[in-house]
Protein backbone atom coordinates (compact mmCIF):
# COMPACT_ATOMS: atom_id res chain seq x y z
CA MET A 1 -6.06 -36.62 16.42
CA THR A 2 -2.33 -37.06 15.36
CA ALA A 3 0.00 -34.21 16.14
CA ALA A 4 -0.24 -33.28 12.22
CA GLU A 5 -4.00 -33.25 12.38
CA MET A 6 -3.95 -31.01 15.41
CA ARG A 7 -1.79 -28.59 13.75
CA ALA A 8 -4.03 -28.58 10.55
CA ALA A 9 -7.05 -27.90 12.80
CA GLU A 10 -5.33 -25.11 14.65
CA ALA A 11 -4.31 -23.65 11.29
CA ARG A 12 -7.93 -23.69 10.12
CA ALA A 13 -9.03 -21.89 13.22
CA ILE A 14 -6.39 -19.18 12.77
CA ALA A 15 -7.20 -18.84 9.19
CA ALA A 16 -10.84 -18.42 10.12
CA GLY A 17 -9.99 -15.54 12.42
CA THR A 18 -8.82 -16.95 15.84
CA SER A 19 -5.35 -15.85 16.65
CA GLY A 20 -2.87 -18.31 18.04
CA PHE A 21 -2.69 -16.38 21.20
CA GLU A 22 -6.42 -16.70 21.58
CA LEU A 23 -6.32 -20.26 21.16
CA MET A 24 -3.39 -20.60 23.88
CA CYS A 25 -5.34 -18.39 26.02
CA ARG A 26 -8.46 -20.86 25.92
CA ALA A 27 -6.11 -23.79 26.38
CA GLY A 28 -4.58 -22.38 29.56
CA GLU A 29 -7.69 -21.25 31.02
CA ALA A 30 -9.38 -24.59 30.48
CA ALA A 31 -6.36 -26.41 31.93
CA ALA A 32 -6.15 -24.15 35.10
CA ALA A 33 -10.03 -24.86 35.48
CA ALA A 34 -9.35 -28.55 35.45
CA ILE A 35 -6.37 -28.34 37.74
CA ALA A 36 -8.55 -26.33 40.15
CA ALA A 37 -11.28 -28.89 40.07
CA PHE A 38 -8.87 -31.75 40.32
CA TYR A 39 -7.15 -30.45 43.62
CA GLY A 40 -7.84 -27.39 45.71
CA PRO A 41 -5.49 -24.35 46.05
CA ALA A 42 -2.08 -25.39 46.91
CA PRO A 43 1.46 -24.18 46.09
CA ALA A 44 2.12 -24.81 42.38
CA LEU A 45 5.44 -24.77 40.10
CA VAL A 46 4.73 -24.36 36.39
CA LEU A 47 7.72 -25.69 34.16
CA ALA A 48 7.42 -23.87 30.90
CA GLY A 49 9.31 -25.00 27.76
CA PRO A 50 10.30 -22.57 24.90
CA GLY A 51 7.23 -23.48 22.59
CA ASN A 52 3.53 -23.34 22.54
CA ASN A 53 3.27 -25.81 25.31
CA GLY A 54 5.25 -23.41 27.50
CA GLY A 55 3.01 -20.69 26.45
CA ASP A 56 0.05 -22.62 27.72
CA GLY A 57 1.96 -23.01 30.92
CA TYR A 58 2.19 -19.23 31.42
CA VAL A 59 -1.51 -18.80 30.88
CA VAL A 60 -2.03 -21.58 33.50
CA ALA A 61 0.13 -19.81 35.84
CA ASN A 62 -1.70 -16.59 35.49
CA ALA A 63 -5.04 -18.28 35.73
CA LEU A 64 -4.10 -20.09 38.85
CA ARG A 65 -2.71 -16.85 40.43
CA GLN A 66 -6.04 -15.21 39.80
CA ARG A 67 -7.65 -18.04 41.77
CA ARG A 68 -5.27 -17.07 44.72
CA TRP A 69 -3.04 -20.20 44.26
CA PRO A 70 0.47 -19.45 45.17
CA VAL A 71 2.37 -19.87 41.75
CA GLU A 72 6.01 -19.91 40.42
CA VAL A 73 7.22 -20.29 36.89
CA ALA A 74 10.36 -21.87 36.01
CA ALA A 75 11.53 -22.09 32.35
CA VAL A 76 14.14 -24.04 30.44
CA ALA A 77 14.52 -21.03 27.83
CA ALA A 78 12.92 -17.89 26.65
CA PRO A 79 9.63 -18.18 24.72
CA ALA A 80 10.35 -19.07 21.12
CA THR A 81 7.11 -18.40 19.26
CA GLU A 82 5.15 -15.23 19.17
CA ALA A 83 2.09 -16.72 21.04
CA ALA A 84 4.32 -18.00 23.79
CA ARG A 85 5.92 -14.49 24.07
CA GLN A 86 2.59 -13.10 24.46
CA ALA A 87 1.66 -15.48 27.09
CA ALA A 88 4.81 -14.76 28.96
CA LEU A 89 3.97 -10.98 29.04
CA LEU A 90 0.33 -12.04 30.41
CA TRP A 91 2.21 -13.86 33.33
CA ASN A 92 4.23 -10.50 33.97
CA ALA A 93 6.15 -11.85 36.94
CA PRO A 94 9.54 -13.15 37.82
CA VAL A 95 10.71 -16.58 35.89
CA MET A 96 13.40 -18.53 37.30
CA ASP A 97 15.71 -20.90 35.55
CA ILE A 98 14.72 -24.53 35.89
CA ALA A 99 18.05 -25.28 37.32
CA ASP A 100 17.19 -23.14 40.35
CA ALA A 101 13.45 -24.48 40.74
CA GLU A 102 12.46 -25.98 43.97
CA SER A 103 9.52 -28.40 44.35
CA ARG A 104 6.08 -27.48 45.28
CA PHE A 105 2.91 -29.51 46.22
CA VAL A 106 1.45 -29.16 42.55
CA LEU A 107 3.83 -29.54 39.58
CA VAL A 108 2.58 -28.67 36.02
CA ASP A 109 4.71 -30.07 33.20
CA ALA A 110 4.42 -27.56 30.33
CA LEU A 111 7.68 -28.38 28.90
CA PHE A 112 6.97 -30.17 25.61
CA GLY A 113 3.77 -31.34 24.39
CA THR A 114 2.34 -32.68 21.05
CA GLY A 115 4.77 -33.13 18.10
CA LEU A 116 7.91 -34.33 20.35
CA THR A 117 10.29 -36.29 18.09
CA ARG A 118 13.15 -36.77 20.52
CA GLY A 119 13.54 -37.32 24.11
CA LEU A 120 14.57 -34.88 26.89
CA GLU A 121 18.23 -34.12 27.24
CA GLU A 122 20.23 -33.63 30.32
CA PRO A 123 20.13 -31.75 32.70
CA ILE A 124 16.48 -31.09 32.02
CA LEU A 125 15.49 -34.77 32.20
CA THR A 126 17.01 -35.25 35.57
CA LYS A 127 15.68 -31.95 36.96
CA LEU A 128 12.12 -32.80 35.83
CA HIS A 129 12.26 -36.14 37.60
CA GLU A 130 13.69 -34.60 40.65
CA LEU A 131 10.90 -32.08 40.98
CA ALA A 132 8.28 -34.56 40.19
CA HIS A 133 9.62 -37.05 42.76
CA ALA A 134 9.21 -34.28 45.54
CA SER A 135 5.80 -33.21 44.29
CA SER A 136 2.45 -34.61 45.40
CA VAL A 137 0.28 -33.80 42.32
CA ILE A 138 1.79 -33.86 38.87
CA VAL A 139 -0.21 -32.28 35.83
CA ALA A 140 0.79 -32.65 32.25
CA LEU A 141 -0.31 -30.21 29.70
CA ASP A 142 -1.30 -32.16 26.39
CA LEU A 143 1.26 -35.01 27.24
CA PRO A 144 4.00 -35.89 29.86
CA SER A 145 7.11 -34.41 28.45
CA GLY A 146 9.10 -37.35 26.68
CA ALA A 147 5.99 -38.95 25.17
CA ALA A 148 5.59 -39.06 21.33
CA THR A 149 2.16 -37.97 20.21
CA ASP A 150 1.00 -40.34 17.70
CA ASN A 151 2.30 -44.00 18.53
CA GLY A 152 2.46 -44.25 22.46
CA ALA A 153 6.23 -44.34 22.31
CA VAL A 154 8.31 -43.13 25.26
CA LEU A 155 11.18 -41.30 23.89
CA SER A 156 12.71 -40.48 27.27
CA PRO A 157 11.76 -41.71 30.72
CA LEU A 158 8.38 -39.95 31.80
CA ALA A 159 7.38 -38.42 35.05
CA PRO A 160 4.01 -40.16 35.49
CA ALA A 161 1.09 -37.52 35.63
CA ASP A 162 -1.89 -37.71 38.05
CA LEU A 163 -3.71 -35.50 35.47
CA THR A 164 -3.38 -34.69 31.87
CA VAL A 165 -5.22 -31.83 30.26
CA THR A 166 -5.19 -32.03 26.54
CA PHE A 167 -6.68 -29.62 24.04
CA GLY A 168 -9.17 -30.07 21.30
CA ALA A 169 -9.13 -33.82 21.29
CA MET A 170 -7.25 -36.83 22.70
CA LYS A 171 -4.12 -37.90 21.09
CA PRO A 172 -3.24 -41.50 20.19
CA SER A 173 -0.65 -41.71 22.99
CA HIS A 174 -3.31 -41.05 25.45
CA LEU A 175 -4.51 -44.58 24.79
CA LEU A 176 -1.66 -46.39 23.27
CA HIS A 177 1.04 -48.09 25.45
CA PRO A 178 3.49 -47.46 26.94
CA ALA A 179 2.96 -43.84 27.13
CA SER A 180 -0.75 -44.03 28.19
CA ALA A 181 0.27 -45.72 31.45
CA SER A 182 1.92 -42.28 32.42
CA CYS A 183 -0.95 -40.04 31.60
CA GLY A 184 -3.20 -40.54 34.58
CA ARG A 185 -6.81 -39.19 34.30
CA VAL A 186 -7.10 -37.56 30.96
CA VAL A 187 -9.27 -34.53 30.54
CA VAL A 188 -10.02 -33.00 27.04
CA ALA A 189 -10.52 -29.17 26.84
CA ASP A 190 -12.50 -27.60 24.23
CA ILE A 191 -10.67 -24.56 22.77
CA GLY A 192 -13.09 -23.85 19.88
CA LEU A 193 -11.61 -25.80 17.03
CA GLY A 194 -15.07 -26.65 15.66
CA GLU A 195 -15.62 -29.84 13.79
CA ILE A 196 -12.31 -31.54 13.81
CA GLY A 197 -13.15 -34.49 11.59
CA THR A 198 -11.31 -37.74 12.53
CA LEU A 199 -11.53 -41.41 11.68
CA LEU A 200 -9.95 -42.48 14.94
CA PHE A 201 -11.88 -42.88 18.05
CA ARG A 202 -11.77 -44.27 21.63
CA ASN A 203 -14.07 -47.31 22.14
CA GLY A 204 -17.21 -46.75 24.13
CA ALA A 205 -20.13 -48.75 25.63
CA PRO A 206 -22.26 -50.30 22.98
CA HIS A 207 -25.99 -49.89 23.07
CA ALA A 208 -27.76 -52.87 24.63
CA ALA A 209 -29.78 -54.67 22.29
CA ALA A 210 -33.28 -54.95 23.74
CA LEU A 211 -34.99 -58.43 23.19
CA SER A 212 -38.09 -58.19 21.07
CA PRO A 213 -41.24 -59.55 22.72
CA ASP A 214 -41.58 -62.27 19.97
CA ALA A 215 -37.89 -63.06 19.80
CA HIS A 216 -36.85 -66.77 19.47
CA LYS A 217 -33.50 -68.49 19.58
CA TYR A 218 -33.05 -68.28 15.66
CA ARG A 219 -33.75 -64.57 15.55
CA ARG A 220 -31.06 -64.11 18.30
CA GLY A 221 -28.53 -65.55 15.89
CA HIS A 222 -27.00 -68.88 15.30
CA VAL A 223 -23.26 -68.98 16.04
CA LEU A 224 -21.16 -72.10 14.73
CA VAL A 225 -17.78 -72.74 16.42
CA VAL A 226 -15.57 -75.08 14.68
CA SER A 227 -13.49 -77.07 17.15
CA GLY A 228 -10.28 -79.15 16.46
CA ALA A 229 -7.27 -80.25 18.49
CA MET A 230 -8.04 -78.28 21.52
CA ALA A 231 -11.62 -78.72 22.30
CA GLY A 232 -11.45 -76.51 25.40
CA ALA A 233 -10.65 -73.17 23.50
CA ALA A 234 -13.63 -73.95 21.10
CA TRP A 235 -15.84 -74.62 24.17
CA LEU A 236 -14.85 -71.14 25.53
CA ALA A 237 -15.79 -69.49 22.37
CA ALA A 238 -19.09 -71.11 22.21
CA ARG A 239 -19.86 -70.43 25.88
CA ALA A 240 -18.92 -66.85 25.46
CA ALA A 241 -21.16 -66.62 22.17
CA GLN A 242 -24.04 -67.68 24.34
CA ARG A 243 -23.41 -65.39 27.19
CA ALA A 244 -22.98 -62.48 24.81
CA GLY A 245 -26.54 -63.01 23.43
CA ALA A 246 -26.45 -65.66 20.60
CA GLY A 247 -29.71 -67.67 20.73
CA TYR A 248 -28.27 -70.90 19.36
CA VAL A 249 -24.72 -72.14 19.43
CA THR A 250 -23.31 -75.24 17.59
CA LEU A 251 -20.03 -76.70 18.51
CA ALA A 252 -18.50 -78.55 15.50
CA SER A 253 -16.61 -81.33 17.37
CA GLU A 254 -16.07 -85.01 17.24
CA THR A 255 -15.13 -85.01 20.96
CA ALA A 256 -18.03 -85.74 23.30
CA LEU A 257 -18.74 -83.20 26.03
CA PRO A 258 -21.06 -83.19 28.97
CA PRO A 259 -24.64 -82.44 28.48
CA SER A 260 -25.20 -78.74 28.14
CA SER A 261 -27.08 -76.26 26.16
CA LEU A 262 -24.49 -76.35 23.54
CA VAL A 263 -25.52 -78.44 20.44
CA VAL A 264 -22.39 -80.60 19.53
CA GLN A 265 -22.17 -82.37 16.19
CA PRO A 266 -19.33 -83.44 13.82
CA LEU A 267 -18.58 -80.85 11.17
CA ALA A 268 -19.51 -83.01 8.28
CA GLU A 269 -23.20 -83.30 9.65
CA ILE A 270 -23.55 -79.58 10.16
CA GLU A 271 -25.42 -77.60 7.49
CA LEU A 272 -23.24 -74.43 7.36
CA GLY A 273 -25.74 -72.34 5.62
CA ARG A 274 -27.86 -72.22 8.67
CA ALA A 275 -25.33 -70.60 10.66
CA ASP A 276 -25.33 -66.66 10.92
CA ALA A 277 -21.68 -66.38 12.05
CA ILE A 278 -18.88 -68.80 12.36
CA VAL A 279 -15.87 -68.76 14.66
CA LEU A 280 -12.80 -70.55 13.07
CA GLY A 281 -9.40 -70.84 14.71
CA SER A 282 -10.02 -71.25 18.40
CA GLY A 283 -8.62 -74.69 19.31
CA LEU A 284 -8.59 -75.67 15.59
CA GLY A 285 -5.05 -77.19 15.58
CA ARG A 286 -2.17 -76.73 12.97
CA ASP A 287 -2.12 -80.02 11.07
CA ALA A 288 -3.55 -81.16 7.70
CA ALA A 289 -6.77 -82.00 9.20
CA ALA A 290 -7.10 -78.70 10.63
CA ARG A 291 -6.35 -77.08 7.42
CA ALA A 292 -9.13 -79.13 5.64
CA ARG A 293 -11.67 -78.23 8.29
CA ALA A 294 -10.60 -74.53 7.76
CA GLU A 295 -11.11 -74.83 3.97
CA ALA A 296 -14.36 -76.54 4.29
CA VAL A 297 -15.51 -73.52 6.35
CA LEU A 298 -13.94 -70.59 4.60
CA GLY A 299 -16.04 -71.08 1.46
CA ALA A 300 -19.36 -71.19 3.23
CA GLY A 301 -19.80 -67.36 2.58
CA LYS A 302 -20.86 -66.67 6.11
CA PRO A 303 -19.64 -63.81 8.41
CA LEU A 304 -16.45 -65.18 10.13
CA VAL A 305 -14.50 -64.45 13.18
CA LEU A 306 -10.81 -65.74 12.54
CA ASP A 307 -8.57 -66.36 15.37
CA ALA A 308 -5.46 -68.23 16.83
CA ASP A 309 -4.66 -71.23 14.88
CA ILE A 310 -5.94 -70.04 11.59
CA PHE A 311 -3.23 -67.49 11.24
CA SER A 312 -0.55 -70.15 11.71
CA LEU A 313 -2.25 -72.36 9.25
CA PHE A 314 -2.23 -69.73 6.46
CA ALA A 315 0.77 -67.80 7.61
CA ASN A 316 2.99 -68.93 4.59
CA ASP A 317 0.25 -68.36 1.86
CA PRO A 318 0.95 -65.34 -0.16
CA ALA A 319 -2.69 -64.42 -0.34
CA PRO A 320 -4.78 -66.27 2.29
CA VAL A 321 -8.36 -66.47 1.04
CA PHE A 322 -10.43 -65.38 3.89
CA GLY A 323 -13.01 -63.59 1.78
CA LEU A 324 -14.24 -60.07 2.49
CA GLY A 325 -15.94 -58.63 5.70
CA ALA A 326 -14.50 -61.25 8.25
CA VAL A 327 -13.23 -60.12 11.66
CA MET A 328 -9.57 -61.08 12.33
CA THR A 329 -8.29 -60.97 16.02
CA PRO A 330 -4.52 -61.67 15.95
CA HIS A 331 -2.32 -60.74 18.84
CA GLU A 332 0.95 -59.30 18.01
CA GLY A 333 2.83 -62.26 17.20
CA GLU A 334 0.12 -63.62 14.97
CA PHE A 335 -0.18 -60.37 13.35
CA VAL A 336 3.40 -60.34 12.45
CA ARG A 337 3.24 -63.86 11.13
CA LEU A 338 0.30 -63.12 8.78
CA PHE A 339 1.12 -59.54 7.60
CA GLY A 340 4.93 -59.54 7.52
CA ASP A 341 7.83 -58.49 9.52
CA LEU A 342 7.48 -55.21 11.43
CA PRO A 343 8.07 -52.29 11.03
CA GLY A 344 9.57 -52.73 7.55
CA ASP A 345 6.38 -54.23 5.98
CA LEU A 346 3.78 -52.26 7.85
CA PRO A 347 5.38 -49.24 9.26
CA GLY A 348 3.95 -46.72 11.78
CA SER A 349 1.99 -46.79 14.97
CA LYS A 350 -0.32 -49.68 16.09
CA VAL A 351 -3.25 -47.95 14.58
CA ASP A 352 -1.30 -47.31 11.29
CA ARG A 353 -0.45 -50.93 11.04
CA ALA A 354 -3.89 -52.26 11.87
CA ARG A 355 -5.32 -49.95 9.24
CA ILE A 356 -3.01 -51.17 6.53
CA ALA A 357 -3.62 -54.69 7.36
CA ALA A 358 -7.40 -54.00 7.14
CA ALA A 359 -7.00 -52.47 3.84
CA ARG A 360 -5.00 -55.28 2.54
CA SER A 361 -7.15 -57.97 3.72
CA GLY A 362 -10.50 -56.42 3.25
CA ASN A 363 -11.40 -57.54 6.84
CA VAL A 364 -11.79 -55.92 10.19
CA ILE A 365 -8.65 -56.18 12.22
CA VAL A 366 -8.67 -56.72 15.93
CA LEU A 367 -4.99 -56.23 17.03
CA LYS A 368 -5.21 -57.41 20.64
CA GLY A 369 -3.23 -56.20 23.45
CA PRO A 370 -3.69 -53.93 26.52
CA ASP A 371 -4.44 -51.09 23.95
CA THR A 372 -6.37 -53.10 21.42
CA VAL A 373 -6.98 -51.51 18.13
CA ILE A 374 -9.92 -52.16 15.87
CA ALA A 375 -9.49 -51.07 12.23
CA ALA A 376 -11.92 -51.38 9.37
CA PRO A 377 -10.83 -51.36 5.48
CA ASP A 378 -12.39 -47.96 5.06
CA GLY A 379 -9.83 -46.30 7.46
CA ARG A 380 -12.03 -46.14 10.70
CA ALA A 381 -10.02 -47.08 13.69
CA VAL A 382 -10.80 -47.41 17.43
CA ILE A 383 -8.65 -47.72 20.35
CA ASN A 384 -9.89 -49.59 23.33
CA ASP A 385 -8.70 -48.69 26.90
CA HIS A 386 -11.54 -50.12 28.79
CA ALA A 387 -9.79 -53.26 29.89
CA SER A 388 -7.85 -54.86 32.69
CA ALA A 389 -4.51 -56.75 32.96
CA ARG A 390 -6.55 -59.73 34.06
CA LEU A 391 -7.29 -60.48 30.30
CA ALA A 392 -3.69 -61.84 30.16
CA THR A 393 -4.58 -65.22 30.83
CA ALA A 394 -5.20 -68.37 28.54
CA GLY A 395 -8.43 -68.39 26.75
CA SER A 396 -9.50 -64.84 27.08
CA GLY A 397 -8.88 -64.41 23.31
CA ASP A 398 -11.24 -67.33 22.72
CA VAL A 399 -13.81 -65.69 24.83
CA LEU A 400 -13.63 -62.56 22.76
CA SER A 401 -14.01 -64.53 19.46
CA GLY A 402 -17.31 -65.95 20.63
CA MET A 403 -18.46 -62.67 21.86
CA ILE A 404 -17.86 -60.90 18.40
CA ALA A 405 -19.57 -63.89 16.62
CA ALA A 406 -22.61 -63.31 18.80
CA HIS A 407 -22.81 -59.83 17.62
CA LEU A 408 -22.29 -60.58 13.98
CA ALA A 409 -25.07 -63.30 14.27
CA ARG A 410 -27.59 -60.83 15.55
CA GLY A 411 -26.81 -58.54 12.48
CA ASP A 412 -24.25 -56.18 13.55
CA ALA A 413 -21.69 -55.02 10.90
CA PRO A 414 -18.22 -56.50 11.36
CA PHE A 415 -16.62 -53.21 12.61
CA GLU A 416 -19.42 -52.40 15.10
CA ALA A 417 -19.50 -56.05 16.32
CA ALA A 418 -15.87 -56.04 17.00
CA CYS A 419 -15.81 -52.79 18.82
CA ALA A 420 -18.86 -53.61 20.89
CA ALA A 421 -17.49 -57.09 21.91
CA VAL A 422 -14.01 -55.77 22.66
CA TRP A 423 -15.65 -53.16 25.14
CA ARG A 424 -17.79 -55.90 26.85
CA HIS A 425 -14.80 -58.28 26.96
CA GLY A 426 -12.79 -55.46 28.99
CA ASP A 427 -15.78 -54.60 31.07
CA ALA A 428 -16.08 -58.29 32.23
CA ALA A 429 -12.46 -58.37 33.20
CA LEU A 430 -12.69 -54.96 35.10
CA ARG A 431 -15.69 -56.48 37.11
CA GLY A 432 -13.49 -59.64 37.92
CA ARG A 433 -10.87 -60.36 40.39
CA ASP A 434 -7.07 -61.02 40.48
CA GLY A 435 -6.70 -64.65 39.65
CA LEU A 436 -9.57 -64.53 36.97
CA ILE A 437 -9.48 -67.28 34.37
CA ALA A 438 -11.19 -67.50 31.03
CA GLU A 439 -14.12 -69.65 32.61
CA ASP A 440 -14.63 -66.89 35.06
CA LEU A 441 -14.55 -64.31 32.37
CA VAL A 442 -17.43 -65.96 30.45
CA GLY A 443 -19.75 -65.64 33.64
CA LEU A 444 -19.14 -61.92 33.87
CA ILE A 445 -20.30 -61.03 30.39
CA ARG A 446 -23.20 -58.68 30.43
């Protein structure tokens, strides 16, 4: 949930009869339970801000004290909201000025949570980092102070948390870079907001597709990969489609390859209507011949995975005709070339931009990166954090394209196919080792 969605959910709960202080007590108690489960009793310092995040901190301090933790509280200012003032009364013990605070084994950052619009100012910023550096365990309530809520932005340098306890639902910045890198382990505490309603989700493991006892290669799906100037990239996509479950894979290429289970034919000899899904762009090239091959395939009316060179070939077209229901897999540079200069043309977070592009194109957008976002034209979006930096290697995007095509070929809807393949792609990299190359990645698909 975004900061605005979270405020709206809290407002609905309050309108239904739950006070803001009750929500704060639930949040603080849940956070204290998470902290106690994460690390045993130890001297703790809670840093409290003036708003509701600071109020959560007072409740945490009281709950840890009841668990016989030695706890101290330091504040940057007096509580500024009614709920936070009530929480401070619940603490009912001395509160020192943050300037006088000394480090303790556990530091609880309850300075500023969701909705922050500007970074921490001096001397608070320096003091936070001084205390964090001298602490052994750092816990953030909602988000590390200095992180924006909705777009992963870092508004001021963050004190990286070992544990972040957030309330009601994850926030986009728990998954979007660069802020997500400082959140550590993220725990979501249920504070009784009820059905929150959202179109944004964290990607999860797909259900494994069981093979029917009477399955044969065509029922498992026929994937066509169109090659061109760089046959190796297309070969990676084709191999990945096989490993991801496609029963029959054809590589449209005029380049001879060693004998294998791939069927290799010139594009002109292939009956496009027999394919269940087509990968277009991997190794295609950017010349007139490549464009002619692309145009021949785009009119086939088959589920498409569009990648790599296809975005350069059609970057200058005012309205590229890709049809509807394709899966487009650009990285940031390709995305900009195709959908316009950023952020002027497509403002907002990575999620916002992917959603706008999906709505404009009528296609599913897979905006790749360490925090890949998958967006559908109907507004659904998923952030994938099940991945590894090992994917930053040439050819890994071609592998992903082949995997998406395998899911399309077996009948998955475009959005579900993209989500499943992105998770499996990241999972393969997580099971790899440093030095992994795209060919290794193909062999790790499961």
